[in-house]
């Protein structure tokens, strides 16, 4: 049996280098079928712009957090009556492999000895019992499709939105899993159903942002706290915000963000999960459903301006880490050298040749 070793729960100060610009892989693959004869105007203009260079903001490196991180100094952002709140939804599935992955996540970035990150149920307890003295700022939950084969992929009926267990009646002792009342899926409705659930929680318990992260993404909590406190205003000053690592879509003529990690303001979560119907969303989906690109289409269908936050100027996660060994190695060693990751604002060199050939998502 393979033994995975990881460093303990004590917060660690890391000395961080800068990740050189990398040429990413297209989320849909370079050969994803397109079928259009002409490149949309917006993307054509992007392709003729000179490549972007990024200046590294020195206060963003992990070694300087002692001096620059508001939360480490016990301060809230200037003018904010309370800390910004941010729901972290970690997408997972049933099965032994996924259960082992959840256990490893619990022992790494969820267990740093910082009370500002907590289980969603603990955040709800604080919001109900001491609403003006909440300590938790980033509640988290693992998100699993818990319905059986008789349930839809996208919640479209009056049945309860969540379940007490998965389809086999199994629960986890940690009490940190949300079982959505849908069939498990990656591309066909899990994310909008999660947005529907999260929007309800946000409205009732005061959460400003809803995020989704893949379970093979390794997160830096220290950098996430800095990003939240420095750059994300509280509601209602955060309307229609959408952030992550941008990817241009040739077929849909917009810029979406990668599904490795992204966030939306609570009002956008409500729009996607409640104002759009499953039928509305189905019409907007790519011919081959693609979770992150389709989420972008849902968001940009909002008639009001969308405020895109480009995190390529300082990514706070490392992806992908497909095995337990890779994940543990990233947490124990690699994170010091690769985060925050700085890259081109948009990866023109990869996408433009693909788009010029009439291919891509």
Foldseek 3Di string as FASTA:
>chain_A
DDDFDFDFQAADQFAEAEAEADQDAFLVGLFFFFPDDDFDPVVVVVLPDDFDDFDADVCLASNNCCPQFQVNVVHFAPPAPDAAAEEEEEEFEDDDQRVVLVVLLCGFQVRNPAQLEEAPVVLVVCLVPPVPDDRHRYHYAYEYAAADPVFAQADADDPDQWDPGHVVRDDDPVPRYTHGHGPGDDFQHRLLSVLLVVLVVCVVRPHFKYKYAYSQKAFDVSSVSRCRRPPAGGPPVRPQEKEAAWAAFRNLGGIWHDRNMMMTTSVLSCQSNPVQHSVNLVVQADPPGDHGVSSVSSSVVPPDDHHYDHCLSWQRIDDGQPHSNSNSCCRRPVVSYHGRYHHTSYSSVPVVVSVVVSDGD
